[in-house]
């Protein structure tokens, strides 16, 4: 009797690409994507550890910083929608981030009953310290690509995202 590990996957499966295993194969591309994802997840975990927050907290801080850079204000309801969590979960998240000094809340300028949430200077400093060097190195790598290669990478990643979404077939453009 053979062990489960010895059984070979069916042809065309995720682990055994139909186009072979060469360095220019589609399987090699998928392996590179998996390798990148593994490094990306590790970077996010290091950032969470540096800020002493969980994944959802880090996403919330990211949304707040992006909104501020775009000149937008975000309230708890908008943050709930962006994070895909309930208002109760958002209330707990905001209390947690306020207690650690990562966010501040203030009344909305027009509707004083509503709140606006901001990332604090501390959150900005911690994110910059944790990601600043990595982000610049990522920009440097992207800058090395030609315009045509950048377009190809963007198209590839969008099509890959669509292929991974059941409801959307990948684009052929």
C-alpha atoms as a PDB file:
ATOM      1  CA  UNK A   1       0.000   0.000   0.000  1.00  0.00           C
ATOM      2  CA  UNK A   2       1.406   3.391  -0.940  1.00  0.00           C
ATOM      3  CA  UNK A   3       1.345   6.383   1.345  1.00  0.00           C
ATOM      4  CA  UNK A   4      -0.790   9.442   0.488  1.00  0.00           C
ATOM      5  CA  UNK A   5       2.394  11.466  -0.015  1.00  0.00           C
ATOM      6  CA  UNK A   6       3.552   9.027  -2.719  1.00  0.00           C
ATOM      7  CA  UNK A   7       0.380   9.408  -4.777  1.00  0.00           C
ATOM      8  CA  UNK A   8       0.880  11.680  -7.759  1.00  0.00           C
ATOM      9  CA  UNK A   9      -1.605  14.466  -8.404  1.00  0.00           C
ATOM     10  CA  UNK A  10      -3.838  14.232 -11.448  1.00  0.00           C
ATOM     11  CA  UNK A  11      -2.543  15.884 -14.629  1.00  0.00           C
ATOM     12  CA  UNK A  12      -3.555  19.519 -14.901  1.00  0.00           C
ATOM     13  CA  UNK A  13      -3.990  19.928 -11.171  1.00  0.00           C
ATOM     14  CA  UNK A  14      -2.823  23.006  -9.294  1.00  0.00           C
ATOM     15  CA  UNK A  15       0.357  21.268  -8.149  1.00  0.00           C
ATOM     16  CA  UNK A  16       1.192  19.670 -11.493  1.00  0.00           C
ATOM     17  CA  UNK A  17       0.731  22.153 -14.312  1.00  0.00           C
ATOM     18  CA  UNK A  18      -0.208  20.935 -17.757  1.00  0.00           C
ATOM     19  CA  UNK A  19       2.572  22.940 -19.391  1.00  0.00           C
ATOM     20  CA  UNK A  20       5.434  21.231 -17.601  1.00  0.00           C
ATOM     21  CA  UNK A  21       7.792  22.420 -14.939  1.00  0.00           C
ATOM     22  CA  UNK A  22      10.333  24.481 -16.900  1.00  0.00           C
ATOM     23  CA  UNK A  23      11.552  27.914 -15.780  1.00  0.00           C
ATOM     24  CA  UNK A  24       9.313  29.626 -18.356  1.00  0.00           C
ATOM     25  CA  UNK A  25       6.198  27.535 -17.684  1.00  0.00           C
ATOM     26  CA  UNK A  26       2.879  28.750 -16.342  1.00  0.00           C
ATOM     27  CA  UNK A  27       3.567  26.514 -13.342  1.00  0.00           C
ATOM     28  CA  UNK A  28       6.789  28.450 -12.678  1.00  0.00           C
ATOM     29  CA  UNK A  29       4.769  31.680 -12.775  1.00  0.00           C
ATOM     30  CA  UNK A  30       2.287  30.286 -10.236  1.00  0.00           C
ATOM     31  CA  UNK A  31       5.176  29.166  -8.019  1.00  0.00           C
ATOM     32  CA  UNK A  32       6.634  32.695  -8.164  1.00  0.00           C
ATOM     33  CA  UNK A  33       3.217  34.098  -7.178  1.00  0.00           C
ATOM     34  CA  UNK A  34       3.044  31.662  -4.233  1.00  0.00           C
ATOM     35  CA  UNK A  35       6.592  32.584  -3.206  1.00  0.00           C
ATOM     36  CA  UNK A  36       5.719  36.292  -3.341  1.00  0.00           C
ATOM     37  CA  UNK A  37       2.548  35.733  -1.302  1.00  0.00           C
ATOM     38  CA  UNK A  38       4.531  33.854   1.360  1.00  0.00           C
ATOM     39  CA  UNK A  39       6.994  36.764   1.674  1.00  0.00           C
ATOM     40  CA  UNK A  40       4.121  39.288   1.646  1.00  0.00           C
ATOM     41  CA  UNK A  41       2.320  37.456   4.461  1.00  0.00           C
ATOM     42  CA  UNK A  42       5.552  37.349   6.486  1.00  0.00           C
ATOM     43  CA  UNK A  43       6.050  41.104   5.961  1.00  0.00           C
ATOM     44  CA  UNK A  44       2.492  41.812   7.122  1.00  0.00           C
ATOM     45  CA  UNK A  45       3.002  39.658  10.218  1.00  0.00           C
ATOM     46  CA  UNK A  46       6.213  41.538  11.054  1.00  0.00           C
ATOM     47  CA  UNK A  47       4.341  44.831  10.637  1.00  0.00           C
ATOM     48  CA  UNK A  48       1.522  43.616  12.891  1.00  0.00           C
ATOM     49  CA  UNK A  49       4.082  42.572  15.500  1.00  0.00           C
ATOM     50  CA  UNK A  50       5.907  45.918  15.269  1.00  0.00           C
ATOM     51  CA  UNK A  51       2.651  47.839  15.777  1.00  0.00           C
ATOM     52  CA  UNK A  52       1.316  45.253  18.267  1.00  0.00           C
ATOM     53  CA  UNK A  53      -1.969  44.949  16.355  1.00  0.00           C
ATOM     54  CA  UNK A  54      -3.882  42.172  14.633  1.00  0.00           C
ATOM     55  CA  UNK A  55      -4.549  41.873  10.894  1.00  0.00           C
ATOM     56  CA  UNK A  56      -7.872  43.735  10.934  1.00  0.00           C
ATOM     57  CA  UNK A  57      -6.393  46.508  13.074  1.00  0.00           C
ATOM     58  CA  UNK A  58      -3.549  46.931  10.575  1.00  0.00           C
ATOM     59  CA  UNK A  59      -6.018  47.056   7.669  1.00  0.00           C
ATOM     60  CA  UNK A  60      -8.036  49.705   9.511  1.00  0.00           C
ATOM     61  CA  UNK A  61      -4.926  51.818  10.084  1.00  0.00           C
ATOM     62  CA  UNK A  62      -4.021  51.431   6.405  1.00  0.00           C
ATOM     63  CA  UNK A  63      -7.499  52.579   5.311  1.00  0.00           C
ATOM     64  CA  UNK A  64      -7.307  55.587   7.624  1.00  0.00           C
ATOM     65  CA  UNK A  65      -3.857  56.628   6.402  1.00  0.00           C
ATOM     66  CA  UNK A  66      -4.877  56.235   2.746  1.00  0.00           C
ATOM     67  CA  UNK A  67      -8.033  58.262   3.316  1.00  0.00           C
ATOM     68  CA  UNK A  68      -6.088  61.037   5.032  1.00  0.00           C
ATOM     69  CA  UNK A  69      -3.602  61.164   2.157  1.00  0.00           C
ATOM     70  CA  UNK A  70      -6.538  61.454  -0.263  1.00  0.00           C
ATOM     71  CA  UNK A  71      -8.069  64.256   1.823  1.00  0.00           C
ATOM     72  CA  UNK A  72     -11.030  62.095   2.836  1.00  0.00           C
ATOM     73  CA  UNK A  73     -12.634  61.585   6.224  1.00  0.00           C
ATOM     74  CA  UNK A  74     -13.732  58.161   7.392  1.00  0.00           C
ATOM     75  CA  UNK A  75     -16.283  57.410  10.055  1.00  0.00           C
ATOM     76  CA  UNK A  76     -17.006  54.107  11.761  1.00  0.00           C
ATOM     77  CA  UNK A  77     -19.722  53.147   9.236  1.00  0.00           C
ATOM     78  CA  UNK A  78     -17.426  53.683   6.252  1.00  0.00           C
ATOM     79  CA  UNK A  79     -14.616  51.814   7.998  1.00  0.00           C
ATOM     80  CA  UNK A  80     -16.993  48.891   8.686  1.00  0.00           C
ATOM     81  CA  UNK A  81     -17.844  48.747   4.988  1.00  0.00           C
ATOM     82  CA  UNK A  82     -14.210  48.907   3.886  1.00  0.00           C
ATOM     83  CA  UNK A  83     -13.196  46.171   6.318  1.00  0.00           C
ATOM     84  CA  UNK A  84     -16.287  44.025   5.724  1.00  0.00           C
ATOM     85  CA  UNK A  85     -17.040  43.741   9.437  1.00  0.00           C
ATOM     86  CA  UNK A  86     -20.068  44.537  11.586  1.00  0.00           C
ATOM     87  CA  UNK A  87     -20.600  47.817  13.374  1.00  0.00           C
ATOM     88  CA  UNK A  88     -20.175  46.003  16.700  1.00  0.00           C
ATOM     89  CA  UNK A  89     -16.815  44.594  15.588  1.00  0.00           C
ATOM     90  CA  UNK A  90     -15.810  48.053  14.369  1.00  0.00           C
ATOM     91  CA  UNK A  91     -16.712  49.600  17.721  1.00  0.00           C
ATOM     92  CA  UNK A  92     -14.457  47.073  19.498  1.00  0.00           C
ATOM     93  CA  UNK A  93     -11.682  47.628  16.957  1.00  0.00           C
ATOM     94  CA  UNK A  94     -11.835  51.412  17.365  1.00  0.00           C
ATOM     95  CA  UNK A  95     -11.807  51.144  21.157  1.00  0.00           C
ATOM     96  CA  UNK A  96      -8.795  48.849  20.972  1.00  0.00           C
ATOM     97  CA  UNK A  97      -6.900  51.141  18.547  1.00  0.00           C
ATOM     98  CA  UNK A  98      -7.775  54.238  20.596  1.00  0.00           C
ATOM     99  CA  UNK A  99      -6.500  52.577  23.777  1.00  0.00           C
ATOM    100  CA  UNK A 100      -3.161  51.790  22.092  1.00  0.00           C
ATOM    101  CA  UNK A 101      -2.837  55.320  20.702  1.00  0.00           C
ATOM    102  CA  UNK A 102      -3.183  54.349  17.032  1.00  0.00           C
ATOM    103  CA  UNK A 103      -6.383  56.287  16.279  1.00  0.00           C
ATOM    104  CA  UNK A 104      -8.264  59.323  17.474  1.00  0.00           C
ATOM    105  CA  UNK A 105     -11.956  60.091  17.120  1.00  0.00           C
ATOM    106  CA  UNK A 106     -13.599  63.474  16.820  1.00  0.00           C
ATOM    107  CA  UNK A 107     -17.054  64.794  15.975  1.00  0.00           C
ATOM    108  CA  UNK A 108     -17.810  65.260  12.277  1.00  0.00           C
ATOM    109  CA  UNK A 109     -17.425  68.909  11.212  1.00  0.00           C
ATOM    110  CA  UNK A 110     -20.979  69.138   9.812  1.00  0.00           C
ATOM    111  CA  UNK A 111     -22.931  66.384  11.566  1.00  0.00           C
ATOM    112  CA  UNK A 112     -21.762  66.649  15.169  1.00  0.00           C
ATOM    113  CA  UNK A 113     -23.572  63.388  16.025  1.00  0.00           C
ATOM    114  CA  UNK A 114     -21.268  61.472  13.684  1.00  0.00           C
ATOM    115  CA  UNK A 115     -17.616  60.649  14.301  1.00  0.00           C
ATOM    116  CA  UNK A 116     -14.522  60.944  12.136  1.00  0.00           C
ATOM    117  CA  UNK A 117     -11.644  58.568  12.784  1.00  0.00           C
ATOM    118  CA  UNK A 118      -7.980  59.463  12.168  1.00  0.00           C
ATOM    119  CA  UNK A 119      -4.710  57.586  12.406  1.00  0.00           C
ATOM    120  CA  UNK A 120      -2.580  59.292  15.051  1.00  0.00           C
ATOM    121  CA  UNK A 121       0.927  60.641  14.454  1.00  0.00           C
ATOM    122  CA  UNK A 122       2.119  57.609  16.447  1.00  0.00           C
ATOM    123  CA  UNK A 123       0.425  55.237  13.984  1.00  0.00           C
ATOM    124  CA  UNK A 124       1.970  57.111  11.051  1.00  0.00           C
ATOM    125  CA  UNK A 125       5.446  56.893  12.651  1.00  0.00           C
ATOM    126  CA  UNK A 126       5.124  53.200  13.465  1.00  0.00           C
ATOM    127  CA  UNK A 127       3.875  52.296   9.987  1.00  0.00           C
ATOM    128  CA  UNK A 128       6.628  54.353   8.359  1.00  0.00           C
ATOM    129  CA  UNK A 129       9.265  52.746  10.593  1.00  0.00           C
ATOM    130  CA  UNK A 130       7.927  49.242   9.880  1.00  0.00           C
ATOM    131  CA  UNK A 131       7.298  49.628   6.148  1.00  0.00           C
ATOM    132  CA  UNK A 132       9.220  52.644   4.885  1.00  0.00           C
ATOM    133  CA  UNK A 133      12.333  50.789   3.740  1.00  0.00           C
ATOM    134  CA  UNK A 134      10.414  47.833   2.348  1.00  0.00           C
ATOM    135  CA  UNK A 135       8.027  50.090   0.465  1.00  0.00           C
ATOM    136  CA  UNK A 136      10.883  52.050  -1.110  1.00  0.00           C
ATOM    137  CA  UNK A 137      12.624  48.825  -2.193  1.00  0.00           C
ATOM    138  CA  UNK A 138       9.353  47.628  -3.748  1.00  0.00           C
ATOM    139  CA  UNK A 139       9.004  50.937  -5.631  1.00  0.00           C
ATOM    140  CA  UNK A 140      12.618  50.601  -6.812  1.00  0.00           C
ATOM    141  CA  UNK A 141      11.907  47.115  -8.201  1.00  0.00           C
ATOM    142  CA  UNK A 142       8.753  48.345  -9.975  1.00  0.00           C
ATOM    143  CA  UNK A 143      10.690  51.336 -11.357  1.00  0.00           C
ATOM    144  CA  UNK A 144      13.125  48.922 -13.032  1.00  0.00           C
ATOM    145  CA  UNK A 145      10.321  47.628 -15.280  1.00  0.00           C
ATOM    146  CA  UNK A 146       9.660  49.122 -18.672  1.00  0.00           C
ATOM    147  CA  UNK A 147       6.255  50.699 -19.218  1.00  0.00           C
ATOM    148  CA  UNK A 148       5.252  47.666 -21.315  1.00  0.00           C
ATOM    149  CA  UNK A 149       6.365  45.278 -18.557  1.00  0.00           C
ATOM    150  CA  UNK A 150       4.462  47.277 -15.926  1.00  0.00           C
ATOM    151  CA  UNK A 151       1.324  47.057 -18.050  1.00  0.00           C
ATOM    152  CA  UNK A 152       1.866  43.311 -18.480  1.00  0.00           C
ATOM    153  CA  UNK A 153       2.305  42.810 -14.723  1.00  0.00           C
ATOM    154  CA  UNK A 154      -0.797  44.887 -13.950  1.00  0.00           C
ATOM    155  CA  UNK A 155      -2.845  42.977 -16.535  1.00  0.00           C
ATOM    156  CA  UNK A 156      -1.534  39.635 -15.247  1.00  0.00           C
ATOM    157  CA  UNK A 157      -2.323  40.424 -11.606  1.00  0.00           C
ATOM    158  CA  UNK A 158      -5.806  41.713 -12.426  1.00  0.00           C
ATOM    159  CA  UNK A 159      -6.543  38.663 -14.569  1.00  0.00           C
ATOM    160  CA  UNK A 160      -5.168  36.355 -11.868  1.00  0.00           C
ATOM    161  CA  UNK A 161      -7.408  38.055  -9.305  1.00  0.00           C
ATOM    162  CA  UNK A 162     -10.395  37.635 -11.595  1.00  0.00           C
ATOM    163  CA  UNK A 163      -9.516  33.965 -12.184  1.00  0.00           C
ATOM    164  CA  UNK A 164      -9.515  33.432  -8.422  1.00  0.00           C
ATOM    165  CA  UNK A 165     -12.956  35.010  -8.082  1.00  0.00           C
ATOM    166  CA  UNK A 166     -15.726  32.551  -8.904  1.00  0.00           C
ATOM    167  CA  UNK A 167     -18.139  35.178 -10.221  1.00  0.00           C
ATOM    168  CA  UNK A 168     -15.768  36.862 -12.651  1.00  0.00           C
ATOM    169  CA  UNK A 169     -14.091  35.238 -15.651  1.00  0.00           C
ATOM    170  CA  UNK A 170     -10.579  36.536 -16.367  1.00  0.00           C
ATOM    171  CA  UNK A 171     -10.212  39.346 -18.888  1.00  0.00           C
ATOM    172  CA  UNK A 172      -8.799  38.476 -22.291  1.00  0.00           C
ATOM    173  CA  UNK A 173      -7.351  41.944 -22.870  1.00  0.00           C
END
